[in-house]
Amino acid sequence: QVQLVESGGGLVQPGGSLRLSCAASGFSFSTSGMTWHRQAPGTERELIVGISGGGGITNYADSVKGRFTISRDNFKKMVYLQMNSLKPEDTAVYYCAALSWGYWGQGTQVTVSS
């Protein structure tokens, strides 16, 4: 059974940091590119970053470049999103995905507010 389970969301003040985790199971994780997306209320889901199966290639949306860092641990079948210098406009539900398989997690809420 395929599963992608995000965790680590929460409420943080502007300028703060959070680390999201995504636990994968049920598919060939180490050969799968992984992505993080987010969706704020009333907006379309946005692709913010991707990482190749081996972890050597990453691509960031301009909106998060320089503040967010994606990484993965293929042994643990985990993908991480380190989010620094958070802004109120980063408030959204964050999803991890294995797009080549069409798999999505259930999402984790991140709220940036004072």
Protein backbone atom coordinates (compact mmCIF):
# COMPACT_ATOMS: atom_id res chain seq x y z
CA GLN A 1 0.00 0.00 0.00
CA VAL A 2 1.37 3.36 -1.05
CA GLN A 3 1.57 5.99 1.63
CA LEU A 4 2.96 9.49 1.86
CA VAL A 5 2.53 10.96 5.32
CA GLU A 6 3.54 14.53 6.07
CA SER A 7 4.27 15.87 9.53
CA GLY A 8 5.89 18.86 11.20
CA GLY A 9 3.43 21.59 10.39
CA GLY A 10 2.18 24.07 12.94
CA LEU A 11 1.99 27.70 13.98
CA VAL A 12 5.15 29.78 13.79
CA GLN A 13 5.91 33.47 14.05
CA PRO A 14 7.18 35.44 11.06
CA GLY A 15 10.90 34.92 10.68
CA GLY A 16 10.72 31.53 12.33
CA SER A 17 11.53 28.07 11.05
CA LEU A 18 9.82 24.74 10.62
CA ARG A 19 10.93 21.39 9.30
CA LEU A 20 8.41 19.28 7.45
CA SER A 21 8.86 15.55 7.01
CA CYS A 22 7.28 13.14 4.55
CA ALA A 23 7.43 9.40 5.20
CA ALA A 24 7.06 7.24 2.09
CA SER A 25 6.20 3.59 1.71
CA GLY A 26 4.86 1.15 -0.83
CA PHE A 27 6.79 2.22 -3.94
CA SER A 28 10.31 2.47 -5.30
CA PHE A 29 11.31 5.54 -3.31
CA SER A 30 15.00 5.81 -4.14
CA THR A 31 14.32 6.02 -7.87
CA SER A 32 11.45 8.49 -7.57
CA GLY A 33 11.68 12.22 -7.79
CA MET A 34 9.79 13.87 -4.96
CA THR A 35 8.14 17.25 -4.73
CA TRP A 36 6.65 19.59 -2.16
CA HIS A 37 3.60 21.66 -2.99
CA ARG A 38 1.46 24.07 -1.07
CA GLN A 39 -2.04 25.41 -1.30
CA ALA A 40 -3.36 28.49 0.44
CA PRO A 41 -7.11 29.07 0.79
CA GLY A 42 -8.66 30.26 -2.45
CA THR A 43 -5.55 29.58 -4.52
CA GLU A 44 -4.29 26.83 -6.79
CA ARG A 45 -1.84 24.27 -5.52
CA GLU A 46 1.72 25.51 -6.10
CA LEU A 47 4.78 23.39 -6.81
CA ILE A 48 7.53 24.85 -4.66
CA VAL A 49 10.43 22.42 -4.85
CA GLY A 50 11.51 19.09 -6.32
CA ILE A 51 14.36 16.69 -5.72
CA SER A 52 15.66 13.87 -7.90
CA GLY A 53 15.70 10.25 -6.78
CA GLY A 54 19.34 10.37 -5.87
CA GLY A 55 19.04 13.77 -4.26
CA GLY A 56 21.59 15.43 -6.48
CA ILE A 57 19.23 17.68 -8.38
CA THR A 58 16.87 20.18 -6.82
CA ASN A 59 14.67 22.91 -8.22
CA TYR A 60 13.02 25.67 -6.26
CA ALA A 61 10.26 28.10 -7.05
CA ASP A 62 11.33 31.71 -6.82
CA SER A 63 8.90 32.22 -3.95
CA VAL A 64 10.93 29.96 -1.65
CA LYS A 65 14.43 30.02 -3.13
CA GLY A 66 17.05 30.88 -0.54
CA ARG A 67 14.69 30.21 2.37
CA PHE A 68 13.57 26.60 1.94
CA THR A 69 15.76 23.53 1.55
CA ILE A 70 14.64 20.11 0.41
CA SER A 71 16.52 16.95 1.29
CA ARG A 72 15.92 13.23 1.35
CA ASP A 73 17.11 10.10 3.10
CA ASN A 74 16.61 7.13 0.81
CA PHE A 75 17.54 4.65 3.53
CA LYS A 76 14.76 5.94 5.77
CA LYS A 77 12.44 6.71 2.82
CA MET A 78 11.99 10.26 4.02
CA VAL A 79 11.81 13.65 2.36
CA TYR A 80 12.31 16.84 4.35
CA LEU A 81 11.55 20.50 3.81
CA GLN A 82 13.48 22.91 5.99
CA MET A 83 11.69 26.25 5.97
CA ASN A 84 13.49 29.32 7.30
CA SER A 85 12.65 33.02 7.39
CA LEU A 86 8.98 32.17 7.18
CA LYS A 87 6.54 34.84 6.06
CA PRO A 88 2.78 35.15 6.54
CA GLU A 89 2.37 34.44 2.82
CA ASP A 90 3.89 31.01 3.37
CA THR A 91 0.73 30.04 5.23
CA ALA A 92 -0.76 27.04 3.41
CA VAL A 93 -1.33 23.32 3.51
CA TYR A 94 1.89 21.64 2.44
CA TYR A 95 1.87 18.38 0.49
CA CYS A 96 4.57 15.99 -0.56
CA ALA A 97 4.11 14.05 -3.77
CA ALA A 98 5.62 11.42 -5.99
CA LEU A 99 4.30 12.86 -9.23
CA SER A 100 5.60 10.15 -11.52
CA TRP A 101 3.41 7.70 -9.61
CA GLY A 102 0.53 10.10 -9.00
CA TYR A 103 0.85 9.77 -5.24
CA TRP A 104 0.06 12.57 -2.80
CA GLY A 105 0.16 12.91 0.94
CA GLN A 106 -2.72 14.22 3.00
CA GLY A 107 -1.03 17.53 3.73
CA THR A 108 0.11 19.38 6.84
CA GLN A 109 -0.96 22.89 7.81
CA VAL A 110 1.63 25.61 8.19
CA THR A 111 0.48 28.91 9.65
CA VAL A 112 2.82 31.87 9.90
CA SER A 113 1.37 34.53 12.15
CA SER A 114 2.26 36.70 15.10
